N, C-alpha and C. Protein backbone atom coordinates (compact mmCIF):
# COMPACT_ATOMS: atom_id res chain seq x y z
N MET A 1 -11.02 -17.91 -40.51
CA MET A 1 -10.31 -18.05 -39.36
C MET A 1 -10.47 -16.84 -38.29
N LYS A 2 -10.33 -15.65 -38.90
CA LYS A 2 -10.66 -14.43 -37.96
C LYS A 2 -12.11 -14.40 -37.39
N LYS A 3 -12.95 -14.86 -38.14
CA LYS A 3 -14.50 -15.00 -37.50
C LYS A 3 -14.50 -16.16 -36.34
N ILE A 4 -13.83 -17.07 -36.63
CA ILE A 4 -13.87 -18.09 -35.52
C ILE A 4 -13.44 -17.76 -34.27
N ARG A 5 -11.93 -16.87 -34.28
CA ARG A 5 -11.44 -16.38 -33.21
C ARG A 5 -12.16 -15.44 -32.59
N LYS A 6 -12.93 -14.57 -33.31
CA LYS A 6 -13.74 -13.57 -32.90
C LYS A 6 -14.97 -14.07 -31.95
N LEU A 7 -15.46 -15.30 -32.61
CA LEU A 7 -16.56 -15.98 -31.94
C LEU A 7 -16.15 -16.65 -30.73
N MET A 8 -15.20 -17.14 -30.61
CA MET A 8 -14.42 -17.76 -29.55
C MET A 8 -14.15 -16.72 -28.37
N LEU A 9 -13.51 -15.80 -28.59
CA LEU A 9 -13.28 -14.52 -27.78
C LEU A 9 -14.79 -14.08 -27.29
N ALA A 10 -15.82 -13.79 -27.82
CA ALA A 10 -16.97 -13.15 -27.61
C ALA A 10 -17.61 -14.38 -26.62
N SER A 11 -17.54 -15.71 -27.10
CA SER A 11 -18.07 -16.61 -25.96
C SER A 11 -17.25 -16.63 -24.61
N ILE A 12 -16.13 -16.51 -24.72
CA ILE A 12 -15.43 -16.49 -23.51
C ILE A 12 -15.80 -15.37 -22.71
N PHE A 13 -15.84 -13.87 -23.32
CA PHE A 13 -16.05 -12.85 -22.64
C PHE A 13 -17.53 -12.74 -22.06
N CYS A 14 -18.49 -13.55 -22.95
CA CYS A 14 -19.89 -13.76 -22.27
C CYS A 14 -19.87 -14.50 -21.28
N GLY A 15 -19.26 -15.85 -21.21
CA GLY A 15 -19.25 -16.53 -20.08
C GLY A 15 -18.71 -15.83 -18.66
N ALA A 16 -17.58 -15.09 -19.18
CA ALA A 16 -16.96 -14.57 -18.00
C ALA A 16 -17.81 -13.50 -17.32
N PHE A 17 -18.54 -12.75 -18.23
CA PHE A 17 -19.65 -11.76 -17.69
C PHE A 17 -20.69 -12.69 -16.95
N LEU A 18 -21.32 -13.54 -17.51
CA LEU A 18 -22.28 -14.29 -16.77
C LEU A 18 -21.80 -14.83 -15.48
N LEU A 19 -20.81 -15.51 -15.62
CA LEU A 19 -20.49 -16.31 -14.18
C LEU A 19 -19.72 -15.26 -13.17
N GLY A 20 -19.31 -14.30 -13.76
CA GLY A 20 -18.45 -13.28 -13.06
C GLY A 20 -19.39 -12.71 -11.92
N GLY A 21 -20.64 -12.36 -12.22
CA GLY A 21 -21.62 -11.80 -11.24
C GLY A 21 -22.04 -12.79 -10.19
N GLN A 22 -21.88 -14.07 -10.33
CA GLN A 22 -22.06 -14.95 -9.37
C GLN A 22 -20.82 -15.19 -8.49
N THR A 23 -19.90 -15.35 -9.19
CA THR A 23 -18.69 -15.69 -8.41
C THR A 23 -18.03 -14.45 -7.59
N TYR A 24 -17.93 -13.46 -8.13
CA TYR A 24 -17.05 -12.27 -7.69
C TYR A 24 -17.90 -11.25 -7.33
N ALA A 25 -18.98 -11.47 -6.26
CA ALA A 25 -19.77 -10.23 -5.93
C ALA A 25 -19.16 -9.31 -5.51
N ALA A 26 -19.34 -7.74 -5.59
CA ALA A 26 -18.51 -6.96 -4.95
C ALA A 26 -19.08 -6.92 -3.45
N THR A 27 -17.97 -6.66 -2.54
CA THR A 27 -18.30 -6.36 -1.22
C THR A 27 -19.03 -5.00 -0.99
N THR A 28 -19.75 -4.86 -0.23
CA THR A 28 -20.55 -3.69 0.16
C THR A 28 -20.56 -3.43 1.74
N HIS A 29 -20.56 -2.43 2.12
CA HIS A 29 -20.45 -2.04 3.36
C HIS A 29 -21.50 -0.99 3.92
N THR A 30 -22.48 -1.04 4.83
CA THR A 30 -23.54 -0.26 5.30
C THR A 30 -22.69 0.74 6.30
N VAL A 31 -22.93 1.88 5.99
CA VAL A 31 -22.32 2.89 6.95
C VAL A 31 -23.23 3.00 8.19
N LYS A 32 -22.44 2.73 9.31
CA LYS A 32 -23.04 3.13 10.71
C LYS A 32 -22.78 4.37 11.32
N HIS A 33 -23.52 4.88 12.18
CA HIS A 33 -23.42 6.11 12.68
C HIS A 33 -21.90 6.28 13.43
N GLY A 34 -21.44 7.39 13.16
CA GLY A 34 -19.71 7.82 13.37
C GLY A 34 -18.90 7.40 12.38
N GLU A 35 -19.02 6.23 11.54
CA GLU A 35 -18.07 6.00 10.74
C GLU A 35 -17.62 6.99 9.89
N THR A 36 -16.54 6.86 9.32
CA THR A 36 -15.95 7.75 8.35
C THR A 36 -15.12 7.12 7.26
N PHE A 37 -14.83 7.69 6.14
CA PHE A 37 -14.23 6.93 5.00
C PHE A 37 -12.76 6.50 5.56
N TRP A 38 -12.11 7.25 6.43
CA TRP A 38 -10.75 6.92 6.93
C TRP A 38 -11.13 5.43 7.62
N ASN A 39 -12.04 5.34 8.51
CA ASN A 39 -11.98 4.05 9.23
C ASN A 39 -12.43 2.79 8.79
N ILE A 40 -13.29 3.24 7.37
CA ILE A 40 -13.85 2.31 6.63
C ILE A 40 -12.67 1.85 5.74
N ALA A 41 -11.82 2.51 5.23
CA ALA A 41 -10.88 2.19 4.37
C ALA A 41 -9.79 1.50 5.29
N LYS A 42 -9.62 1.86 6.43
CA LYS A 42 -8.42 1.01 7.22
C LYS A 42 -9.17 -0.22 7.46
N ARG A 43 -10.37 -0.33 7.89
CA ARG A 43 -11.25 -1.70 8.16
C ARG A 43 -10.71 -2.84 6.81
N TYR A 44 -10.98 -2.09 5.69
CA TYR A 44 -10.94 -3.14 4.54
C TYR A 44 -9.71 -3.08 3.80
N GLY A 45 -8.81 -2.35 4.22
CA GLY A 45 -7.46 -2.54 3.90
C GLY A 45 -7.23 -1.88 2.49
N VAL A 46 -8.02 -0.53 2.08
CA VAL A 46 -8.12 -0.12 0.82
C VAL A 46 -7.91 1.23 0.75
N PRO A 47 -7.09 1.91 -0.20
CA PRO A 47 -6.85 3.42 -0.03
C PRO A 47 -8.06 4.24 -0.11
N LEU A 48 -7.91 5.24 0.90
CA LEU A 48 -9.15 6.13 1.25
C LEU A 48 -9.73 6.74 -0.31
N LYS A 49 -8.67 7.41 -1.07
CA LYS A 49 -9.00 7.93 -2.41
C LYS A 49 -9.85 6.87 -3.37
N GLN A 50 -9.29 5.75 -3.22
CA GLN A 50 -9.85 4.67 -4.07
C GLN A 50 -11.33 4.37 -3.62
N LEU A 51 -11.47 4.43 -2.19
CA LEU A 51 -12.85 4.15 -1.79
C LEU A 51 -13.95 5.12 -2.13
N GLN A 52 -13.42 6.54 -2.00
CA GLN A 52 -14.08 7.71 -2.43
C GLN A 52 -14.53 7.59 -3.74
N LYS A 53 -13.62 7.16 -4.66
CA LYS A 53 -13.85 7.37 -6.15
C LYS A 53 -14.55 6.30 -6.49
N GLN A 54 -14.46 4.84 -6.11
CA GLN A 54 -15.35 3.77 -6.41
C GLN A 54 -16.90 4.12 -6.21
N ASN A 55 -17.18 5.04 -5.21
CA ASN A 55 -18.42 5.35 -4.66
C ASN A 55 -19.06 6.49 -5.22
N GLY A 56 -18.14 7.30 -6.11
CA GLY A 56 -18.44 8.52 -6.74
C GLY A 56 -18.48 9.83 -5.64
N LYS A 57 -17.90 9.64 -4.49
CA LYS A 57 -17.85 10.91 -3.53
C LYS A 57 -16.74 11.66 -3.74
N TYR A 58 -17.06 12.96 -3.46
CA TYR A 58 -15.91 14.05 -3.57
C TYR A 58 -15.90 14.75 -2.31
N THR A 59 -16.51 14.24 -1.37
CA THR A 59 -16.58 15.09 -0.10
C THR A 59 -16.53 13.84 0.95
N ASP A 60 -16.28 14.19 2.25
CA ASP A 60 -16.23 13.21 3.11
C ASP A 60 -17.43 12.85 3.84
N VAL A 61 -18.54 13.49 3.43
CA VAL A 61 -19.83 13.15 4.05
C VAL A 61 -20.46 12.04 3.78
N LEU A 62 -20.76 11.21 4.95
CA LEU A 62 -21.39 9.78 4.63
C LEU A 62 -22.92 9.85 5.59
N PHE A 63 -23.68 9.06 5.24
CA PHE A 63 -24.82 9.11 6.22
C PHE A 63 -25.03 7.70 6.65
N PRO A 64 -25.63 7.55 7.97
CA PRO A 64 -25.72 6.04 8.43
C PRO A 64 -26.78 5.30 7.47
N GLY A 65 -26.72 4.25 7.16
CA GLY A 65 -27.40 3.45 6.29
C GLY A 65 -27.05 3.44 4.88
N GLU A 66 -26.30 4.31 4.28
CA GLU A 66 -25.73 4.50 3.07
C GLU A 66 -24.77 3.20 2.65
N LYS A 67 -24.95 2.63 1.72
CA LYS A 67 -23.98 1.45 1.32
C LYS A 67 -23.05 1.87 0.37
N LEU A 68 -21.99 1.44 0.55
CA LEU A 68 -20.68 1.77 -0.01
C LEU A 68 -20.20 0.49 -0.82
N VAL A 69 -19.67 0.48 -1.92
CA VAL A 69 -19.00 -0.59 -2.45
C VAL A 69 -17.58 -0.46 -2.18
N ILE A 70 -17.09 -1.56 -1.83
CA ILE A 70 -15.80 -1.65 -1.35
C ILE A 70 -14.69 -1.97 -2.63
N PRO A 71 -13.71 -1.29 -3.13
CA PRO A 71 -12.90 -1.90 -4.17
C PRO A 71 -12.15 -2.99 -3.67
N LYS A 72 -11.95 -3.68 -4.73
CA LYS A 72 -11.01 -4.87 -4.53
C LYS A 72 -9.57 -4.45 -4.13
N THR A 73 -9.02 -5.16 -3.18
CA THR A 73 -7.65 -4.65 -2.85
C THR A 73 -6.73 -5.59 -3.63
N THR A 74 -5.74 -4.91 -4.17
CA THR A 74 -4.88 -5.39 -4.94
C THR A 74 -3.48 -5.83 -4.15
N ILE A 75 -3.47 -5.57 -3.02
CA ILE A 75 -2.47 -6.20 -2.16
C ILE A 75 -2.80 -7.61 -1.40
N SER A 76 -1.98 -8.32 -1.74
CA SER A 76 -2.45 -9.85 -0.95
C SER A 76 -1.72 -10.06 0.31
N ALA A 77 -2.38 -10.91 1.14
CA ALA A 77 -1.95 -11.12 2.47
C ALA A 77 -0.44 -11.32 2.59
N SER A 78 0.25 -12.17 1.47
CA SER A 78 1.71 -12.51 1.62
C SER A 78 2.53 -11.13 1.54
N GLU A 79 1.88 -10.11 0.49
CA GLU A 79 2.38 -8.79 0.46
C GLU A 79 2.60 -7.97 1.76
N LYS A 80 1.27 -8.01 2.24
CA LYS A 80 1.03 -7.25 3.56
C LYS A 80 2.10 -7.95 4.56
N ASP A 81 2.33 -9.06 4.75
CA ASP A 81 2.93 -9.78 5.81
C ASP A 81 4.54 -9.42 5.31
N LEU A 82 4.93 -9.21 4.12
CA LEU A 82 6.12 -9.03 3.89
C LEU A 82 6.50 -7.42 4.30
N LEU A 83 5.69 -6.59 3.97
CA LEU A 83 5.84 -5.06 4.39
C LEU A 83 5.87 -5.20 5.88
N ALA A 84 4.99 -5.56 6.41
CA ALA A 84 4.81 -5.43 8.11
C ALA A 84 6.33 -6.13 8.52
N ARG A 85 6.85 -7.15 8.02
CA ARG A 85 8.14 -7.64 8.50
C ARG A 85 9.28 -6.47 8.05
N LEU A 86 9.12 -5.80 7.02
CA LEU A 86 10.24 -4.81 6.75
C LEU A 86 9.90 -3.61 7.59
N VAL A 87 8.64 -3.22 8.04
CA VAL A 87 8.32 -2.04 8.70
C VAL A 87 8.94 -2.56 10.11
N HIS A 88 8.63 -3.84 10.72
CA HIS A 88 9.21 -4.26 12.03
C HIS A 88 10.77 -4.21 11.99
N ALA A 89 11.49 -4.49 11.12
CA ALA A 89 12.79 -4.67 10.99
C ALA A 89 13.49 -3.13 10.91
N GLU A 90 12.75 -2.29 9.97
CA GLU A 90 13.38 -0.92 9.90
C GLU A 90 13.05 0.06 10.88
N ALA A 91 11.85 -0.11 11.60
CA ALA A 91 11.52 0.86 12.40
C ALA A 91 11.19 0.60 13.92
N LYS A 92 11.78 -0.62 14.25
CA LYS A 92 11.54 -1.17 15.56
C LYS A 92 12.19 -0.07 16.59
N GLY A 93 11.28 0.24 17.45
CA GLY A 93 11.79 1.37 18.43
C GLY A 93 11.35 2.76 18.09
N GLU A 94 10.77 2.82 16.70
CA GLU A 94 10.40 4.11 16.21
C GLU A 94 8.97 4.37 16.67
N PRO A 95 8.69 5.84 16.52
CA PRO A 95 7.11 6.01 16.93
C PRO A 95 6.26 5.25 15.87
N TYR A 96 5.01 5.05 16.12
CA TYR A 96 4.06 4.55 15.43
C TYR A 96 3.95 5.15 13.79
N ALA A 97 3.89 6.55 14.02
CA ALA A 97 3.92 7.23 12.64
C ALA A 97 4.92 7.03 11.97
N GLY A 98 6.08 6.81 12.50
CA GLY A 98 7.34 6.48 11.65
C GLY A 98 7.01 5.27 10.90
N LYS A 99 6.56 4.27 11.74
CA LYS A 99 6.24 2.87 11.08
C LYS A 99 5.35 2.95 9.93
N VAL A 100 4.31 3.82 9.90
CA VAL A 100 3.38 4.13 8.95
C VAL A 100 4.03 4.64 7.83
N ALA A 101 4.94 5.45 8.18
CA ALA A 101 5.85 6.25 7.02
C ALA A 101 6.78 5.40 6.43
N VAL A 102 7.37 4.44 7.01
CA VAL A 102 8.25 3.50 6.32
C VAL A 102 7.38 2.71 5.39
N ALA A 103 6.24 2.19 5.78
CA ALA A 103 5.31 1.34 4.85
C ALA A 103 4.70 2.28 3.59
N THR A 104 4.41 3.52 3.97
CA THR A 104 4.03 4.49 3.04
C THR A 104 5.23 4.68 1.98
N VAL A 105 6.43 4.64 2.14
CA VAL A 105 7.61 4.89 1.21
C VAL A 105 7.48 3.70 0.33
N VAL A 106 7.41 2.63 0.80
CA VAL A 106 7.30 1.38 -0.22
C VAL A 106 6.00 1.51 -1.06
N LEU A 107 4.97 1.80 -0.52
CA LEU A 107 3.78 1.98 -1.56
C LEU A 107 3.89 3.21 -2.62
N ASN A 108 4.61 4.24 -1.91
CA ASN A 108 4.97 5.27 -3.13
C ASN A 108 5.80 4.68 -4.02
N ARG A 109 6.75 4.10 -3.79
CA ARG A 109 7.59 3.39 -4.70
C ARG A 109 7.03 2.54 -5.82
N VAL A 110 5.86 1.78 -5.24
CA VAL A 110 5.12 0.86 -6.06
C VAL A 110 4.55 1.68 -7.20
N ASP A 111 3.95 2.82 -6.64
CA ASP A 111 3.15 3.88 -7.71
C ASP A 111 4.04 4.84 -8.23
N HIS A 112 5.30 4.77 -8.08
CA HIS A 112 6.16 5.83 -8.83
C HIS A 112 6.86 5.04 -10.27
N PRO A 113 6.89 5.76 -11.33
CA PRO A 113 7.46 4.97 -12.47
C PRO A 113 8.84 4.74 -12.48
N ASP A 114 9.69 5.19 -11.48
CA ASP A 114 11.05 4.97 -11.48
C ASP A 114 11.51 3.57 -10.46
N PHE A 115 10.41 3.04 -10.03
CA PHE A 115 10.51 1.90 -9.07
C PHE A 115 9.82 0.77 -9.57
N PRO A 116 10.04 -0.56 -9.12
CA PRO A 116 9.43 -1.80 -9.72
C PRO A 116 7.68 -1.48 -9.17
N ASP A 117 7.02 -2.46 -9.73
CA ASP A 117 5.62 -2.32 -9.66
C ASP A 117 5.03 -3.23 -8.52
N THR A 118 5.55 -3.94 -7.78
CA THR A 118 4.95 -4.52 -6.71
C THR A 118 5.88 -4.17 -5.35
N ILE A 119 5.04 -4.77 -4.19
CA ILE A 119 5.53 -4.48 -2.97
C ILE A 119 7.09 -5.47 -2.80
N ARG A 120 6.83 -6.71 -3.35
CA ARG A 120 7.85 -7.55 -3.28
C ARG A 120 8.91 -7.34 -4.14
N GLU A 121 8.83 -6.69 -5.32
CA GLU A 121 9.78 -6.34 -6.18
C GLU A 121 10.51 -5.01 -5.46
N VAL A 122 9.83 -4.12 -4.92
CA VAL A 122 10.23 -2.60 -4.28
C VAL A 122 11.27 -3.39 -3.07
N ILE A 123 10.91 -4.13 -2.37
CA ILE A 123 11.53 -4.59 -1.07
C ILE A 123 12.80 -5.31 -1.46
N TYR A 124 12.73 -6.10 -2.45
CA TYR A 124 13.95 -6.95 -2.88
C TYR A 124 14.84 -6.22 -3.97
N GLU A 125 14.64 -5.26 -4.31
CA GLU A 125 15.08 -4.45 -5.44
C GLU A 125 16.73 -4.34 -5.03
N ARG A 126 17.70 -4.47 -5.84
CA ARG A 126 19.01 -4.36 -5.86
C ARG A 126 19.62 -3.34 -6.59
N SER A 127 20.44 -2.63 -6.18
CA SER A 127 21.38 -1.57 -6.98
C SER A 127 22.60 -1.60 -6.57
N GLY A 128 23.68 -1.75 -7.45
CA GLY A 128 25.01 -1.60 -7.14
C GLY A 128 25.49 -2.65 -6.21
N GLY A 129 24.74 -4.04 -6.28
CA GLY A 129 25.10 -5.02 -5.61
C GLY A 129 24.58 -5.15 -4.28
N HIS A 130 23.88 -4.01 -3.73
CA HIS A 130 23.12 -4.05 -2.54
C HIS A 130 21.74 -3.67 -2.81
N TYR A 131 21.10 -4.35 -1.53
CA TYR A 131 19.51 -4.17 -1.46
C TYR A 131 19.18 -3.03 -1.07
N ALA A 132 17.86 -2.47 -1.49
CA ALA A 132 17.45 -0.79 -1.10
C ALA A 132 17.31 -0.83 0.46
N PHE A 133 16.82 -1.95 0.93
CA PHE A 133 16.64 -1.92 2.42
C PHE A 133 17.52 -3.01 3.25
N THR A 134 18.21 -2.28 4.15
CA THR A 134 19.09 -2.99 5.01
C THR A 134 18.67 -4.19 5.61
N PRO A 135 17.37 -4.44 6.14
CA PRO A 135 16.85 -5.75 6.66
C PRO A 135 16.84 -6.68 5.56
N VAL A 136 16.62 -6.51 4.30
CA VAL A 136 16.81 -7.38 3.30
C VAL A 136 18.30 -7.93 3.34
N GLN A 137 19.48 -7.09 3.22
CA GLN A 137 20.77 -7.34 3.38
C GLN A 137 21.05 -8.11 4.43
N ASN A 138 20.75 -7.76 5.58
CA ASN A 138 21.06 -8.59 6.92
C ASN A 138 20.23 -9.63 7.26
N GLY A 139 19.05 -10.08 6.76
CA GLY A 139 18.35 -11.00 7.07
C GLY A 139 17.18 -10.79 8.08
N THR A 140 17.16 -9.51 8.56
CA THR A 140 16.02 -9.57 9.57
C THR A 140 14.84 -9.17 9.08
N ILE A 141 14.61 -9.08 7.79
CA ILE A 141 13.23 -9.16 6.95
C ILE A 141 12.56 -10.43 7.41
N ASN A 142 13.24 -11.61 7.79
CA ASN A 142 12.55 -12.92 8.00
C ASN A 142 12.10 -13.21 9.28
N GLU A 143 12.39 -12.05 10.16
CA GLU A 143 11.68 -12.17 11.44
C GLU A 143 10.29 -11.75 11.35
N PRO A 144 9.53 -12.18 12.29
CA PRO A 144 8.21 -12.10 12.28
C PRO A 144 7.85 -10.77 12.73
N ALA A 145 6.81 -10.09 12.08
CA ALA A 145 6.46 -8.71 12.62
C ALA A 145 5.42 -8.71 13.75
N ASP A 146 5.52 -7.61 14.37
CA ASP A 146 4.48 -7.59 15.78
C ASP A 146 3.27 -6.89 14.99
N ARG A 147 2.25 -6.91 16.03
CA ARG A 147 1.03 -6.30 15.68
C ARG A 147 0.85 -4.91 15.27
N GLU A 148 1.69 -4.12 15.80
CA GLU A 148 1.82 -2.65 15.64
C GLU A 148 2.25 -2.42 14.04
N ALA A 149 3.26 -3.28 13.63
CA ALA A 149 3.79 -3.32 12.20
C ALA A 149 2.64 -3.51 11.19
N TYR A 150 1.75 -4.60 11.63
CA TYR A 150 0.50 -4.81 10.70
C TYR A 150 -0.42 -3.72 10.63
N ARG A 151 -0.66 -3.20 11.78
CA ARG A 151 -1.46 -1.95 12.02
C ARG A 151 -0.97 -0.71 11.03
N ALA A 152 0.33 -0.70 11.25
CA ALA A 152 0.89 0.49 10.31
C ALA A 152 0.69 0.12 8.87
N VAL A 153 0.80 -1.01 8.57
CA VAL A 153 0.74 -1.52 7.16
C VAL A 153 -0.80 -1.07 6.68
N GLU A 154 -1.74 -1.52 7.58
CA GLU A 154 -3.17 -1.22 7.22
C GLU A 154 -3.39 0.36 7.12
N GLU A 155 -2.75 0.95 7.97
CA GLU A 155 -3.13 2.52 7.97
C GLU A 155 -2.14 3.23 6.55
N ALA A 156 -1.18 2.67 6.35
CA ALA A 156 -0.41 3.13 5.41
C ALA A 156 -1.12 3.04 3.83
N ILE A 157 -1.79 1.69 3.84
CA ILE A 157 -2.59 1.37 2.71
C ILE A 157 -3.72 2.21 2.70
N ALA A 158 -4.50 2.59 3.79
CA ALA A 158 -5.60 3.63 3.67
C ALA A 158 -5.24 4.89 3.25
N PHE A 159 -3.84 5.21 3.88
CA PHE A 159 -3.40 6.69 3.45
C PHE A 159 -2.75 6.76 2.12
N ARG A 160 -2.75 5.58 1.29
CA ARG A 160 -1.97 5.63 0.04
C ARG A 160 -2.56 6.63 -0.92
N GLY A 161 -1.69 7.51 -1.33
CA GLY A 161 -1.95 8.65 -2.51
C GLY A 161 -2.33 9.78 -1.70
N LEU A 162 -2.17 10.12 -0.30
CA LEU A 162 -2.67 11.17 0.37
C LEU A 162 -1.47 11.99 0.95
N GLY A 163 -0.21 11.23 0.84
CA GLY A 163 0.90 11.93 1.56
C GLY A 163 1.61 12.93 0.94
N ASN A 164 2.87 13.03 1.23
CA ASN A 164 3.74 14.04 0.69
C ASN A 164 4.82 13.65 -0.46
N GLY A 165 4.57 12.24 -0.59
CA GLY A 165 5.51 11.65 -1.85
C GLY A 165 6.82 11.09 -1.31
N SER A 166 6.93 10.77 -0.05
CA SER A 166 8.35 10.26 0.38
C SER A 166 8.51 9.04 -0.22
N LEU A 167 9.87 8.99 -0.97
CA LEU A 167 10.24 7.91 -1.56
C LEU A 167 11.59 7.02 -0.93
N TYR A 168 11.92 7.86 0.11
CA TYR A 168 13.32 7.26 0.75
C TYR A 168 13.08 7.85 2.23
N PHE A 169 13.94 6.95 3.02
CA PHE A 169 13.88 7.32 4.51
C PHE A 169 15.55 6.84 4.97
N TYR A 170 16.02 7.59 5.93
CA TYR A 170 17.33 7.01 6.34
C TYR A 170 17.46 7.79 7.85
N ASN A 171 18.54 7.22 8.27
CA ASN A 171 18.79 7.64 9.84
C ASN A 171 20.07 8.54 9.57
N PRO A 172 19.87 9.76 9.88
CA PRO A 172 20.92 10.82 9.68
C PRO A 172 22.36 10.34 10.49
N LYS A 173 22.04 9.76 11.68
CA LYS A 173 23.42 9.17 12.41
C LYS A 173 24.15 8.02 11.70
N THR A 174 23.58 7.35 10.89
CA THR A 174 24.24 6.21 10.19
C THR A 174 24.44 6.26 8.71
N ALA A 175 23.42 6.94 7.98
CA ALA A 175 23.62 6.95 6.69
C ALA A 175 24.78 7.71 6.22
N LYS A 176 25.42 7.01 5.28
CA LYS A 176 26.60 7.57 4.56
C LYS A 176 26.53 8.21 3.16
N SER A 177 25.42 8.03 2.65
CA SER A 177 25.17 8.52 1.22
C SER A 177 24.76 10.07 1.31
N ASN A 178 25.81 10.58 0.34
CA ASN A 178 25.50 12.04 0.11
C ASN A 178 24.25 12.26 -0.64
N TRP A 179 24.16 11.43 -1.54
CA TRP A 179 23.28 11.36 -2.63
C TRP A 179 21.71 11.44 -1.85
N LEU A 180 21.72 10.58 -0.97
CA LEU A 180 20.57 10.32 -0.28
C LEU A 180 20.14 11.65 0.77
N ARG A 181 21.39 12.28 1.10
CA ARG A 181 21.21 13.30 2.06
C ARG A 181 20.76 14.83 1.11
N SER A 182 20.98 14.51 -0.10
CA SER A 182 20.59 15.86 -0.98
C SER A 182 19.41 15.76 -1.48
N LYS A 183 18.48 14.77 -1.12
CA LYS A 183 17.15 14.62 -1.38
C LYS A 183 16.43 15.74 -0.56
N GLN A 184 15.19 16.12 -1.18
CA GLN A 184 14.24 17.17 -0.26
C GLN A 184 13.65 16.34 0.67
N VAL A 185 13.80 16.88 1.87
CA VAL A 185 13.32 16.43 2.98
C VAL A 185 11.66 16.60 3.18
N THR A 186 10.90 15.63 3.60
CA THR A 186 9.42 15.67 3.37
C THR A 186 8.89 15.81 4.86
N ILE A 187 9.59 14.90 5.69
CA ILE A 187 9.26 15.09 7.12
C ILE A 187 10.37 14.19 8.04
N ILE A 188 10.32 14.55 9.29
CA ILE A 188 11.36 13.79 10.17
C ILE A 188 10.43 13.33 11.25
N ILE A 189 10.58 11.75 11.32
CA ILE A 189 9.87 11.28 12.48
C ILE A 189 10.82 10.24 13.39
N GLY A 190 11.11 10.59 14.41
CA GLY A 190 11.82 9.91 15.37
C GLY A 190 13.36 10.02 14.76
N ASN A 191 13.88 8.83 14.59
CA ASN A 191 15.28 8.90 14.13
C ASN A 191 15.23 8.83 12.63
N HIS A 192 14.23 8.86 11.90
CA HIS A 192 14.28 8.78 10.46
C HIS A 192 13.73 10.12 9.75
N VAL A 193 14.66 10.26 8.81
CA VAL A 193 14.39 11.45 7.87
C VAL A 193 13.68 10.89 6.64
N PHE A 194 12.60 11.38 6.10
CA PHE A 194 11.81 11.08 4.99
C PHE A 194 12.13 11.94 4.05
N ALA A 195 12.47 11.54 2.74
CA ALA A 195 12.73 12.47 1.64
C ALA A 195 12.10 11.88 0.34
N LYS A 196 12.05 12.90 -0.72
CA LYS A 196 11.69 12.62 -2.02
C LYS A 196 12.48 13.12 -3.02
């Protein structure tokens, strides 16, 4: 029985390997004059660090004509849309950098062991009967995002893993939580204080 199971698994893996090369070819990018890792990462919606690691690069040096393998993104279009709607609702009227920082907080939570593992789970997380983000509580998360919110999400994805580790943000004029105010401040942008 074990031999049959091993043989079946070997057949499945072999078939997946042979078919995988034809069906799931890696995306490559040919570097053009003036391009940087940063703008290539933003263009493809992948983290800068992941792009560098995928290509065995430990410096920012790129050469025109060089081919880069673009890592497969793990963030779906629907998750990007949800994140953009959160950014739009949370940071409407805030500077662009603040919008990027709001998206970065969500991505930092996804990467942190104390929070859920997906964008959707982080955004809809509940604690003590309340949602973690006001727009989920009041329904403004359902409003469509503007272009700037989508741009901020793409930039936050490219920036992923490079920031100062912000896990929270709040408006000091409206926040009532002493616990939140006790967190280490990482940066202040517009009307939002970011902390970890």
